[in-house]
N, C-alpha and C. Protein backbone atom coordinates (compact mmCIF):
# COMPACT_ATOMS: atom_id res chain seq x y z
N MET A 1 69.74 92.27 98.05
CA MET A 1 70.46 91.49 97.03
C MET A 1 71.79 90.98 97.59
N THR A 2 72.52 91.87 98.28
CA THR A 2 73.80 91.48 98.86
C THR A 2 73.62 90.39 99.91
N THR A 3 72.56 90.55 100.73
CA THR A 3 72.26 89.55 101.76
C THR A 3 71.95 88.21 101.12
N ALA A 4 71.20 88.21 100.05
CA ALA A 4 70.85 86.97 99.37
C ALA A 4 72.07 86.29 98.80
N MET A 5 72.99 87.09 98.23
CA MET A 5 74.21 86.51 97.68
C MET A 5 75.08 85.91 98.78
N HIS A 6 75.14 86.60 99.94
CA HIS A 6 75.93 86.10 101.06
C HIS A 6 75.34 84.79 101.58
N LEU A 7 74.00 84.74 101.69
CA LEU A 7 73.33 83.52 102.14
C LEU A 7 73.57 82.38 101.17
N SER A 8 73.53 82.70 99.87
CA SER A 8 73.77 81.69 98.85
C SER A 8 75.17 81.11 98.97
N SER A 9 76.16 81.97 99.24
CA SER A 9 77.53 81.49 99.37
C SER A 9 77.69 80.60 100.58
N GLN A 10 76.95 80.87 101.67
CA GLN A 10 77.01 80.03 102.86
C GLN A 10 76.39 78.67 102.61
N LEU A 11 75.28 78.67 101.88
CA LEU A 11 74.62 77.41 101.58
C LEU A 11 75.45 76.54 100.66
N ALA A 12 76.33 77.18 99.87
CA ALA A 12 77.15 76.44 98.92
C ALA A 12 78.47 75.96 99.52
N VAL A 13 78.63 76.08 100.84
CA VAL A 13 79.88 75.72 101.49
C VAL A 13 80.18 74.23 101.32
N ASN A 14 81.45 73.93 101.13
CA ASN A 14 81.92 72.55 101.03
C ASN A 14 82.34 72.09 102.42
N VAL A 15 81.58 71.22 103.05
CA VAL A 15 81.85 70.82 104.44
C VAL A 15 83.10 69.96 104.57
N LEU A 16 83.63 69.49 103.44
CA LEU A 16 84.85 68.68 103.49
C LEU A 16 86.11 69.52 103.32
N ASP A 17 85.93 70.80 103.03
CA ASP A 17 87.06 71.69 102.79
C ASP A 17 87.18 72.69 103.93
N ALA A 18 88.33 72.67 104.61
CA ALA A 18 88.53 73.52 105.78
C ALA A 18 88.40 75.00 105.45
N ARG A 19 89.02 75.44 104.36
CA ARG A 19 88.99 76.86 104.02
C ARG A 19 87.59 77.31 103.65
N SER A 20 86.83 76.45 102.98
CA SER A 20 85.45 76.78 102.64
C SER A 20 84.60 76.96 103.89
N LEU A 21 84.79 76.08 104.86
CA LEU A 21 84.06 76.18 106.12
C LEU A 21 84.41 77.46 106.87
N LEU A 22 85.70 77.77 106.91
CA LEU A 22 86.15 78.96 107.63
C LEU A 22 85.69 80.24 106.94
N SER A 23 85.68 80.24 105.62
CA SER A 23 85.22 81.42 104.87
C SER A 23 83.74 81.69 105.13
N ALA A 24 82.97 80.61 105.25
CA ALA A 24 81.53 80.76 105.42
C ALA A 24 81.12 81.07 106.86
N PHE A 25 81.77 80.42 107.83
CA PHE A 25 81.29 80.50 109.21
C PHE A 25 82.29 81.05 110.22
N GLY A 26 83.56 81.18 109.83
CA GLY A 26 84.55 81.76 110.73
C GLY A 26 84.79 80.94 111.98
N VAL A 27 85.10 81.64 113.07
CA VAL A 27 85.44 80.99 114.33
C VAL A 27 84.29 80.15 114.87
N LEU A 28 83.07 80.65 114.74
CA LEU A 28 81.91 79.91 115.23
C LEU A 28 81.81 78.54 114.55
N GLY A 29 82.14 78.51 113.25
CA GLY A 29 82.09 77.25 112.52
C GLY A 29 83.05 76.21 113.06
N VAL A 30 84.20 76.66 113.58
CA VAL A 30 85.17 75.73 114.15
C VAL A 30 84.56 75.01 115.34
N GLY A 31 83.93 75.76 116.24
CA GLY A 31 83.30 75.14 117.41
C GLY A 31 82.20 74.18 117.03
N VAL A 32 81.37 74.57 116.06
CA VAL A 32 80.25 73.73 115.64
C VAL A 32 80.75 72.44 114.98
N VAL A 33 81.74 72.57 114.11
CA VAL A 33 82.26 71.40 113.41
C VAL A 33 82.92 70.43 114.39
N LEU A 34 83.71 70.95 115.33
CA LEU A 34 84.36 70.06 116.30
C LEU A 34 83.34 69.39 117.20
N PHE A 35 82.30 70.11 117.55
CA PHE A 35 81.24 69.50 118.35
C PHE A 35 80.58 68.35 117.59
N ALA A 36 80.27 68.59 116.31
CA ALA A 36 79.62 67.56 115.50
C ALA A 36 80.54 66.36 115.28
N GLU A 37 81.84 66.64 115.04
CA GLU A 37 82.77 65.54 114.75
C GLU A 37 83.02 64.67 115.98
N THR A 38 83.08 65.27 117.15
CA THR A 38 83.41 64.50 118.35
C THR A 38 82.18 64.06 119.15
N GLY A 39 81.02 64.67 118.87
CA GLY A 39 79.85 64.36 119.67
C GLY A 39 78.73 63.65 118.95
N LEU A 40 78.69 63.74 117.62
CA LEU A 40 77.60 63.16 116.85
C LEU A 40 78.16 62.18 115.83
N LEU A 41 77.63 61.00 115.77
CA LEU A 41 78.15 59.99 114.85
C LEU A 41 78.07 60.44 113.39
N ILE A 42 77.11 61.30 113.09
CA ILE A 42 76.97 61.76 111.70
C ILE A 42 78.11 62.70 111.30
N GLY A 43 78.92 63.13 112.26
CA GLY A 43 80.00 64.06 111.95
C GLY A 43 81.35 63.41 111.74
N PHE A 44 81.39 62.08 111.57
CA PHE A 44 82.67 61.38 111.49
C PHE A 44 83.51 61.78 110.28
N PHE A 45 82.86 62.31 109.23
CA PHE A 45 83.58 62.64 107.99
C PHE A 45 84.16 64.06 108.00
N LEU A 46 83.86 64.85 109.01
CA LEU A 46 84.28 66.25 109.02
C LEU A 46 85.80 66.39 109.23
N PRO A 47 86.40 67.44 108.64
CA PRO A 47 87.87 67.57 108.63
C PRO A 47 88.44 68.28 109.86
N GLY A 48 88.36 67.65 111.03
CA GLY A 48 88.79 68.30 112.26
C GLY A 48 90.25 68.72 112.27
N ASP A 49 91.16 67.81 111.89
CA ASP A 49 92.59 68.12 111.91
C ASP A 49 92.94 69.29 111.00
N SER A 50 92.53 69.19 109.75
CA SER A 50 92.88 70.23 108.79
C SER A 50 92.17 71.55 109.11
N LEU A 51 90.98 71.47 109.70
CA LEU A 51 90.25 72.68 110.07
C LEU A 51 91.00 73.45 111.16
N LEU A 52 91.46 72.75 112.18
CA LEU A 52 92.19 73.40 113.28
C LEU A 52 93.49 74.03 112.78
N PHE A 53 94.23 73.25 111.99
CA PHE A 53 95.52 73.74 111.50
C PHE A 53 95.34 74.94 110.58
N THR A 54 94.39 74.85 109.66
CA THR A 54 94.14 75.96 108.73
C THR A 54 93.64 77.19 109.46
N ALA A 55 92.77 76.99 110.44
CA ALA A 55 92.26 78.13 111.21
C ALA A 55 93.39 78.85 111.94
N GLY A 56 94.31 78.08 112.53
CA GLY A 56 95.46 78.69 113.19
C GLY A 56 96.31 79.47 112.21
N LEU A 57 96.46 78.92 111.03
CA LEU A 57 97.24 79.57 109.97
C LEU A 57 96.62 80.90 109.57
N LEU A 58 95.29 80.92 109.48
CA LEU A 58 94.59 82.13 109.04
C LEU A 58 94.58 83.23 110.09
N CYS A 59 94.94 82.89 111.32
CA CYS A 59 95.03 83.92 112.36
C CYS A 59 96.20 84.87 112.11
N THR A 60 97.17 84.43 111.31
CA THR A 60 98.34 85.28 111.04
C THR A 60 98.07 86.27 109.92
N GLY A 61 97.05 86.01 109.10
CA GLY A 61 96.73 86.89 107.99
C GLY A 61 97.64 86.71 106.79
N SER A 62 98.57 85.74 106.87
CA SER A 62 99.53 85.56 105.78
C SER A 62 99.07 84.57 104.72
N ALA A 63 98.06 83.77 105.05
CA ALA A 63 97.66 82.72 104.12
C ALA A 63 96.57 83.16 103.16
N ASP A 64 95.75 84.09 103.58
CA ASP A 64 94.63 84.51 102.74
C ASP A 64 94.28 85.96 103.09
N ARG A 65 94.53 86.89 102.17
CA ARG A 65 94.31 88.31 102.45
C ARG A 65 92.85 88.62 102.70
N GLY A 66 91.96 87.79 102.22
CA GLY A 66 90.54 88.07 102.39
C GLY A 66 89.94 87.49 103.65
N LEU A 67 90.72 86.75 104.43
CA LEU A 67 90.17 86.10 105.62
C LEU A 67 91.23 86.07 106.72
N LYS A 68 90.91 86.67 107.85
CA LYS A 68 91.81 86.64 109.00
C LYS A 68 90.99 86.38 110.25
N LEU A 69 91.36 85.38 111.01
CA LEU A 69 90.67 85.03 112.24
C LEU A 69 91.43 85.56 113.44
N SER A 70 90.76 85.67 114.57
CA SER A 70 91.38 86.12 115.82
C SER A 70 91.76 84.90 116.64
N LEU A 71 93.00 84.85 117.09
CA LEU A 71 93.52 83.66 117.77
C LEU A 71 92.79 83.37 119.08
N GLY A 72 92.57 84.38 119.91
CA GLY A 72 91.93 84.16 121.21
C GLY A 72 90.56 83.50 121.09
N PRO A 73 89.61 84.13 120.37
CA PRO A 73 88.29 83.51 120.19
C PRO A 73 88.37 82.13 119.52
N LEU A 74 89.32 81.97 118.60
CA LEU A 74 89.47 80.67 117.93
C LEU A 74 89.85 79.58 118.92
N LEU A 75 90.80 79.85 119.80
CA LEU A 75 91.22 78.86 120.79
C LEU A 75 90.06 78.48 121.71
N VAL A 76 89.28 79.49 122.10
CA VAL A 76 88.12 79.23 122.96
C VAL A 76 87.09 78.37 122.23
N ALA A 77 86.78 78.72 120.98
CA ALA A 77 85.79 77.97 120.20
C ALA A 77 86.24 76.54 119.96
N ALA A 78 87.53 76.37 119.65
CA ALA A 78 88.07 75.03 119.40
C ALA A 78 87.99 74.16 120.65
N ALA A 79 88.40 74.71 121.78
CA ALA A 79 88.38 73.95 123.03
C ALA A 79 86.96 73.60 123.45
N VAL A 80 86.06 74.58 123.40
CA VAL A 80 84.67 74.34 123.82
C VAL A 80 84.00 73.31 122.91
N GLY A 81 84.19 73.45 121.60
CA GLY A 81 83.58 72.50 120.67
C GLY A 81 84.08 71.09 120.87
N ALA A 82 85.40 70.94 121.03
CA ALA A 82 85.99 69.61 121.20
C ALA A 82 85.58 68.96 122.51
N LEU A 83 85.59 69.73 123.59
CA LEU A 83 85.28 69.16 124.91
C LEU A 83 83.79 68.89 125.08
N ALA A 84 82.96 69.84 124.66
CA ALA A 84 81.51 69.66 124.79
C ALA A 84 81.02 68.53 123.89
N GLY A 85 81.60 68.45 122.68
CA GLY A 85 81.20 67.38 121.77
C GLY A 85 81.53 66.01 122.31
N SER A 86 82.72 65.85 122.84
CA SER A 86 83.14 64.57 123.39
C SER A 86 82.24 64.14 124.55
N GLN A 87 81.94 65.08 125.43
CA GLN A 87 81.10 64.75 126.58
C GLN A 87 79.68 64.40 126.13
N CYS A 88 79.19 65.10 125.12
CA CYS A 88 77.87 64.80 124.57
C CYS A 88 77.84 63.40 123.96
N GLY A 89 78.89 63.05 123.21
CA GLY A 89 78.97 61.72 122.61
C GLY A 89 78.96 60.63 123.67
N TYR A 90 79.69 60.87 124.75
CA TYR A 90 79.74 59.90 125.85
C TYR A 90 78.35 59.70 126.47
N LEU A 91 77.63 60.80 126.71
CA LEU A 91 76.31 60.71 127.32
C LEU A 91 75.31 60.01 126.39
N LEU A 92 75.43 60.29 125.09
CA LEU A 92 74.57 59.60 124.13
C LEU A 92 74.82 58.09 124.15
N GLY A 93 76.11 57.72 124.20
CA GLY A 93 76.45 56.30 124.24
C GLY A 93 75.98 55.64 125.52
N ARG A 94 76.05 56.36 126.62
CA ARG A 94 75.62 55.82 127.91
C ARG A 94 74.12 55.57 127.94
N ARG A 95 73.38 56.45 127.26
CA ARG A 95 71.92 56.32 127.25
C ARG A 95 71.43 55.34 126.19
N ALA A 96 72.02 55.41 125.01
CA ALA A 96 71.50 54.63 123.88
C ALA A 96 72.28 53.35 123.61
N GLY A 97 73.42 53.16 124.32
CA GLY A 97 74.22 51.97 124.10
C GLY A 97 74.72 51.91 122.67
N GLY A 98 74.68 50.75 122.06
CA GLY A 98 75.15 50.59 120.68
C GLY A 98 74.07 50.77 119.65
N ALA A 99 72.87 51.20 120.07
CA ALA A 99 71.74 51.30 119.14
C ALA A 99 72.02 52.30 118.02
N LEU A 100 72.61 53.44 118.36
CA LEU A 100 72.88 54.45 117.33
C LEU A 100 73.86 53.94 116.29
N LEU A 101 74.91 53.28 116.74
CA LEU A 101 75.90 52.75 115.82
C LEU A 101 75.32 51.63 114.97
N ALA A 102 74.47 50.81 115.57
CA ALA A 102 73.88 49.67 114.85
C ALA A 102 73.01 50.13 113.68
N ARG A 103 72.45 51.32 113.79
CA ARG A 103 71.59 51.83 112.72
C ARG A 103 72.37 52.33 111.52
N SER A 104 73.65 52.61 111.72
CA SER A 104 74.46 53.15 110.63
C SER A 104 74.90 52.04 109.67
N ARG A 105 74.92 52.37 108.38
CA ARG A 105 75.38 51.42 107.37
C ARG A 105 76.78 51.76 106.86
N SER A 106 77.42 52.72 107.50
CA SER A 106 78.75 53.16 107.06
C SER A 106 79.82 52.16 107.50
N ALA A 107 80.50 51.56 106.52
CA ALA A 107 81.58 50.62 106.84
C ALA A 107 82.72 51.33 107.55
N ARG A 108 82.98 52.58 107.15
CA ARG A 108 84.05 53.36 107.76
C ARG A 108 83.76 53.62 109.24
N LEU A 109 82.49 53.90 109.55
CA LEU A 109 82.11 54.18 110.92
C LEU A 109 82.22 52.92 111.78
N HIS A 110 81.81 51.79 111.24
CA HIS A 110 81.90 50.54 111.99
C HIS A 110 83.35 50.12 112.19
N GLU A 111 84.20 50.39 111.22
CA GLU A 111 85.63 50.11 111.39
C GLU A 111 86.21 50.98 112.48
N GLY A 112 85.78 52.24 112.52
CA GLY A 112 86.23 53.14 113.57
C GLY A 112 85.79 52.66 114.94
N ALA A 113 84.57 52.14 115.03
CA ALA A 113 84.07 51.61 116.31
C ALA A 113 84.88 50.41 116.76
N ARG A 114 85.25 49.55 115.81
CA ARG A 114 86.06 48.38 116.16
C ARG A 114 87.42 48.81 116.70
N ARG A 115 88.01 49.80 116.06
CA ARG A 115 89.32 50.29 116.50
C ARG A 115 89.21 50.98 117.86
N ALA A 116 88.11 51.70 118.07
CA ALA A 116 87.91 52.38 119.35
C ALA A 116 87.79 51.37 120.50
N GLU A 117 87.01 50.33 120.27
CA GLU A 117 86.85 49.30 121.31
C GLU A 117 88.18 48.59 121.57
N GLU A 118 88.95 48.39 120.49
CA GLU A 118 90.26 47.76 120.63
C GLU A 118 91.21 48.64 121.44
N LEU A 119 91.17 49.94 121.20
CA LEU A 119 91.99 50.88 121.97
C LEU A 119 91.65 50.82 123.45
N LEU A 120 90.36 50.84 123.77
CA LEU A 120 89.93 50.81 125.16
C LEU A 120 90.38 49.53 125.86
N GLY A 121 90.29 48.42 125.12
CA GLY A 121 90.67 47.14 125.72
C GLY A 121 92.17 46.97 125.86
N ARG A 122 92.94 47.49 124.91
CA ARG A 122 94.39 47.26 124.90
C ARG A 122 95.14 48.23 125.79
N TYR A 123 94.76 49.50 125.79
CA TYR A 123 95.55 50.51 126.47
C TYR A 123 94.93 51.04 127.76
N GLY A 124 93.72 50.60 128.06
CA GLY A 124 93.07 51.15 129.24
C GLY A 124 92.38 52.47 128.91
N HIS A 125 91.56 52.92 129.83
CA HIS A 125 90.73 54.09 129.56
C HIS A 125 91.53 55.36 129.30
N ALA A 126 92.49 55.66 130.15
CA ALA A 126 93.20 56.94 130.05
C ALA A 126 93.93 57.08 128.72
N LYS A 127 94.80 56.14 128.39
CA LYS A 127 95.57 56.22 127.14
C LYS A 127 94.66 56.20 125.93
N ALA A 128 93.66 55.34 125.95
CA ALA A 128 92.78 55.20 124.79
C ALA A 128 92.03 56.49 124.49
N ILE A 129 91.52 57.13 125.54
CA ILE A 129 90.73 58.35 125.36
C ILE A 129 91.60 59.48 124.81
N VAL A 130 92.83 59.58 125.31
CA VAL A 130 93.74 60.62 124.81
C VAL A 130 94.20 60.33 123.39
N LEU A 131 94.62 59.09 123.13
CA LEU A 131 95.12 58.73 121.80
C LEU A 131 94.04 58.85 120.73
N ALA A 132 92.80 58.53 121.08
CA ALA A 132 91.71 58.56 120.09
C ALA A 132 91.51 59.95 119.50
N ARG A 133 91.83 60.99 120.26
CA ARG A 133 91.67 62.35 119.76
C ARG A 133 92.46 62.59 118.48
N PHE A 134 93.53 61.87 118.29
CA PHE A 134 94.42 62.13 117.15
C PHE A 134 94.17 61.20 115.97
N VAL A 135 93.10 60.41 116.03
CA VAL A 135 92.80 59.48 114.94
C VAL A 135 91.42 59.79 114.37
N PRO A 136 91.36 60.24 113.10
CA PRO A 136 90.06 60.52 112.48
C PRO A 136 89.12 59.33 112.57
N VAL A 137 87.84 59.59 112.69
CA VAL A 137 86.75 58.63 112.85
C VAL A 137 86.77 57.99 114.24
N VAL A 138 87.95 57.52 114.69
CA VAL A 138 88.02 56.91 116.02
C VAL A 138 87.65 57.94 117.08
N ARG A 139 88.07 59.20 116.90
CA ARG A 139 87.72 60.22 117.90
C ARG A 139 86.22 60.50 117.90
N THR A 140 85.52 60.13 116.83
CA THR A 140 84.07 60.29 116.80
C THR A 140 83.37 59.17 117.55
N VAL A 141 83.80 57.94 117.32
CA VAL A 141 83.06 56.80 117.86
C VAL A 141 83.53 56.35 119.24
N LEU A 142 84.75 56.73 119.65
CA LEU A 142 85.21 56.28 120.95
C LEU A 142 84.36 56.85 122.08
N ASN A 143 83.89 58.08 121.92
CA ASN A 143 83.11 58.70 122.99
C ASN A 143 81.81 57.95 123.28
N PRO A 144 80.95 57.68 122.30
CA PRO A 144 79.76 56.87 122.60
C PRO A 144 80.11 55.44 123.00
N MET A 145 81.22 54.89 122.46
CA MET A 145 81.63 53.54 122.85
C MET A 145 82.00 53.52 124.33
N ALA A 146 82.70 54.57 124.79
CA ALA A 146 83.08 54.65 126.20
C ALA A 146 81.84 54.72 127.08
N GLY A 147 80.83 55.46 126.63
CA GLY A 147 79.59 55.53 127.39
C GLY A 147 78.86 54.20 127.41
N ALA A 148 78.81 53.54 126.26
CA ALA A 148 78.12 52.25 126.18
C ALA A 148 78.82 51.18 127.01
N LEU A 149 80.15 51.27 127.11
CA LEU A 149 80.92 50.30 127.88
C LEU A 149 81.03 50.69 129.36
N GLN A 150 80.30 51.72 129.75
CA GLN A 150 80.23 52.14 131.15
C GLN A 150 81.59 52.56 131.74
N VAL A 151 82.40 53.24 130.93
CA VAL A 151 83.61 53.85 131.47
C VAL A 151 83.16 54.89 132.51
N PRO A 152 83.75 54.92 133.71
CA PRO A 152 83.31 55.87 134.74
C PRO A 152 83.32 57.31 134.23
N VAL A 153 82.29 58.07 134.60
CA VAL A 153 82.14 59.45 134.12
C VAL A 153 83.36 60.29 134.47
N ARG A 154 83.84 60.19 135.71
CA ARG A 154 84.96 61.01 136.13
C ARG A 154 86.22 60.68 135.33
N THR A 155 86.47 59.40 135.14
CA THR A 155 87.65 58.97 134.37
C THR A 155 87.57 59.49 132.95
N PHE A 156 86.41 59.31 132.33
CA PHE A 156 86.24 59.77 130.95
C PHE A 156 86.43 61.27 130.84
N THR A 157 85.81 62.01 131.75
CA THR A 157 85.85 63.47 131.68
C THR A 157 87.28 64.00 131.83
N VAL A 158 88.00 63.48 132.82
CA VAL A 158 89.37 63.95 133.05
C VAL A 158 90.24 63.74 131.81
N TRP A 159 90.15 62.55 131.21
CA TRP A 159 91.05 62.23 130.10
C TRP A 159 90.57 62.78 128.77
N GLN A 160 89.27 62.96 128.60
CA GLN A 160 88.81 63.57 127.35
C GLN A 160 89.16 65.06 127.35
N VAL A 161 89.14 65.70 128.53
CA VAL A 161 89.56 67.10 128.60
C VAL A 161 91.05 67.22 128.31
N THR A 162 91.84 66.32 128.88
CA THR A 162 93.28 66.33 128.63
C THR A 162 93.59 66.15 127.14
N GLY A 163 93.03 65.10 126.56
CA GLY A 163 93.26 64.84 125.14
C GLY A 163 92.67 65.91 124.25
N GLY A 164 91.49 66.41 124.62
CA GLY A 164 90.82 67.42 123.81
C GLY A 164 91.60 68.72 123.74
N LEU A 165 92.18 69.13 124.86
CA LEU A 165 92.97 70.36 124.86
C LEU A 165 94.28 70.18 124.10
N LEU A 166 94.92 69.03 124.27
CA LEU A 166 96.16 68.77 123.53
C LEU A 166 95.90 68.81 122.03
N TRP A 167 94.81 68.19 121.61
CA TRP A 167 94.49 68.10 120.19
C TRP A 167 94.05 69.44 119.61
N SER A 168 93.02 70.03 120.20
CA SER A 168 92.44 71.25 119.62
C SER A 168 93.39 72.44 119.70
N LEU A 169 93.97 72.67 120.87
CA LEU A 169 94.87 73.81 121.01
C LEU A 169 96.22 73.55 120.34
N GLY A 170 96.69 72.30 120.42
CA GLY A 170 97.98 71.97 119.82
C GLY A 170 98.00 72.18 118.32
N LEU A 171 96.99 71.66 117.60
CA LEU A 171 96.96 71.81 116.15
C LEU A 171 96.73 73.27 115.73
N THR A 172 95.89 73.97 116.49
CA THR A 172 95.63 75.38 116.18
C THR A 172 96.90 76.21 116.33
N LEU A 173 97.60 76.01 117.43
CA LEU A 173 98.83 76.77 117.67
C LEU A 173 99.95 76.36 116.72
N ALA A 174 99.95 75.11 116.28
CA ALA A 174 100.94 74.67 115.29
C ALA A 174 100.73 75.42 113.98
N GLY A 175 99.48 75.55 113.56
CA GLY A 175 99.18 76.32 112.35
C GLY A 175 99.55 77.77 112.50
N TYR A 176 99.27 78.34 113.67
CA TYR A 176 99.59 79.73 113.92
C TYR A 176 101.11 79.96 113.91
N ALA A 177 101.85 79.05 114.52
CA ALA A 177 103.32 79.19 114.58
C ALA A 177 103.93 79.13 113.19
N LEU A 178 103.46 78.21 112.37
CA LEU A 178 104.00 78.09 111.01
C LEU A 178 103.62 79.29 110.16
N GLY A 179 102.37 79.74 110.30
CA GLY A 179 101.93 80.91 109.54
C GLY A 179 102.70 82.16 109.90
N SER A 180 103.15 82.23 111.16
CA SER A 180 103.90 83.41 111.61
C SER A 180 105.35 83.40 111.17
N SER A 181 105.87 82.21 110.88
CA SER A 181 107.30 82.11 110.60
C SER A 181 107.66 81.80 109.15
N VAL A 182 106.69 81.31 108.36
CA VAL A 182 106.98 80.93 106.97
C VAL A 182 106.33 81.91 106.00
N PRO A 183 107.10 82.62 105.18
CA PRO A 183 106.53 83.55 104.19
C PRO A 183 105.72 82.80 103.13
N ASN A 184 104.62 83.41 102.68
CA ASN A 184 103.78 82.82 101.62
C ASN A 184 103.41 81.37 101.94
N VAL A 185 103.03 81.14 103.19
CA VAL A 185 102.79 79.77 103.64
C VAL A 185 101.61 79.12 102.93
N ASP A 186 100.70 79.93 102.36
CA ASP A 186 99.53 79.36 101.69
C ASP A 186 99.90 78.49 100.50
N ARG A 187 101.10 78.71 99.93
CA ARG A 187 101.54 77.88 98.80
C ARG A 187 101.77 76.43 99.23
N TYR A 188 102.05 76.24 100.50
CA TYR A 188 102.38 74.90 101.00
C TYR A 188 101.29 74.34 101.91
N LEU A 189 100.10 74.93 101.85
CA LEU A 189 99.05 74.57 102.80
C LEU A 189 98.66 73.09 102.72
N LEU A 190 98.36 72.60 101.53
CA LEU A 190 97.92 71.21 101.41
C LEU A 190 98.98 70.21 101.87
N PRO A 191 100.25 70.36 101.42
CA PRO A 191 101.27 69.43 101.93
C PRO A 191 101.43 69.50 103.45
N MET A 192 101.34 70.69 104.01
CA MET A 192 101.51 70.82 105.45
C MET A 192 100.35 70.20 106.22
N VAL A 193 99.14 70.34 105.70
CA VAL A 193 97.99 69.71 106.34
C VAL A 193 98.16 68.19 106.33
N ALA A 194 98.65 67.66 105.19
CA ALA A 194 98.89 66.21 105.11
C ALA A 194 99.93 65.76 106.14
N VAL A 195 100.97 66.56 106.30
CA VAL A 195 102.01 66.23 107.29
C VAL A 195 101.44 66.27 108.71
N ILE A 196 100.63 67.30 109.01
CA ILE A 196 100.04 67.42 110.33
C ILE A 196 99.14 66.23 110.64
N VAL A 197 98.33 65.83 109.68
CA VAL A 197 97.46 64.67 109.88
C VAL A 197 98.29 63.42 110.12
N ALA A 198 99.38 63.26 109.34
CA ALA A 198 100.25 62.10 109.53
C ALA A 198 100.90 62.12 110.90
N LEU A 199 101.36 63.30 111.33
CA LEU A 199 102.00 63.41 112.64
C LEU A 199 101.01 63.14 113.77
N SER A 200 99.74 63.44 113.53
CA SER A 200 98.74 63.19 114.57
C SER A 200 98.55 61.71 114.84
N LEU A 201 99.00 60.87 113.89
CA LEU A 201 98.89 59.42 114.08
C LEU A 201 100.09 58.83 114.79
N VAL A 202 101.14 59.65 114.98
CA VAL A 202 102.37 59.14 115.60
C VAL A 202 102.15 58.58 117.00
N PRO A 203 101.40 59.28 117.90
CA PRO A 203 101.20 58.70 119.23
C PRO A 203 100.58 57.31 119.21
N LEU A 204 99.57 57.12 118.34
CA LEU A 204 98.93 55.82 118.26
C LEU A 204 99.89 54.78 117.70
N ALA A 205 100.63 55.14 116.64
CA ALA A 205 101.58 54.20 116.04
C ALA A 205 102.65 53.80 117.05
N SER A 206 103.10 54.77 117.85
CA SER A 206 104.11 54.49 118.87
C SER A 206 103.60 53.51 119.91
N GLU A 207 102.34 53.71 120.33
CA GLU A 207 101.77 52.81 121.33
C GLU A 207 101.58 51.41 120.77
N VAL A 208 101.16 51.31 119.51
CA VAL A 208 100.99 49.99 118.88
C VAL A 208 102.33 49.28 118.79
N TYR A 209 103.38 50.02 118.40
CA TYR A 209 104.72 49.43 118.29
C TYR A 209 105.21 48.93 119.65
N ARG A 210 105.05 49.76 120.67
CA ARG A 210 105.49 49.38 122.01
C ARG A 210 104.71 48.17 122.53
N SER A 211 103.41 48.16 122.23
CA SER A 211 102.59 47.04 122.68
C SER A 211 103.02 45.73 122.02
N ARG A 212 103.34 45.79 120.73
CA ARG A 212 103.76 44.58 120.02
C ARG A 212 105.12 44.10 120.50
N ARG A 213 106.01 45.04 120.77
CA ARG A 213 107.32 44.66 121.31
C ARG A 213 107.19 44.00 122.67
N ALA A 214 106.30 44.54 123.50
CA ALA A 214 106.09 43.96 124.82
C ALA A 214 105.49 42.56 124.72
N ALA A 215 104.56 42.38 123.77
CA ALA A 215 103.94 41.07 123.59
C ALA A 215 104.95 40.04 123.10
N LYS A 216 105.84 40.46 122.19
CA LYS A 216 106.88 39.54 121.70
C LYS A 216 107.86 39.18 122.80
N ALA A 217 108.18 40.16 123.67
CA ALA A 217 109.09 39.89 124.77
C ALA A 217 108.49 38.90 125.76
N GLU A 218 107.19 39.02 126.00
CA GLU A 218 106.52 38.08 126.89
C GLU A 218 106.49 36.68 126.30
N GLU A 219 106.27 36.60 124.99
CA GLU A 219 106.28 35.29 124.32
C GLU A 219 107.65 34.64 124.39
N ALA A 220 108.69 35.46 124.21
CA ALA A 220 110.06 34.93 124.26
C ALA A 220 110.41 34.41 125.65
N GLN A 221 109.94 35.11 126.68
CA GLN A 221 110.21 34.69 128.04
C GLN A 221 109.42 33.45 128.41
N GLY A 222 108.22 33.36 127.79
CA GLY A 222 107.38 32.18 128.10
C GLY A 222 107.85 30.95 127.39
């Protein structure tokens, strides 16, 4: 009976809610979700940013007395899921080209693909691959787009590992640091997750601003 109730609670998990995912699947769920979000186009809607931050927070035991994660295994699961997913997405794109994306009817996914291609064209491979990690949906579609556009394997791998570690470990440790230093931090969880997601867009916004300033300067000189 207890096993059946536990299974029922897992099946009832809300995949859009970070705490629900963590309660049902723990550290293993973090790796699986990050793999799906970064490696499979069907995972574009998953809450990668909030999941990492919340998981880091729960490692302190201060946010939820009924759930405490271990930081070491969490960091390993986050890194492996993010890096393996990205590489898988790239290989799928290299093999299938744009066929997988063309089959999707999601306007949000197609918009993400447009932005991903724009990033690759405007900033070059290295910057685009790193920056894409911090933009929801774009981090899902840039990997297969890079494969379809024949970005060199070595270039993609080096920069997706760099961006993947900065993103996955950075957000996890940010949650852990705040959970360790702020009393009753669970009261402020939703606002803090919103702030973290907003801050994750800062690198991209900064690059867009710099690019526009450079373009205006060139126009003025011309």
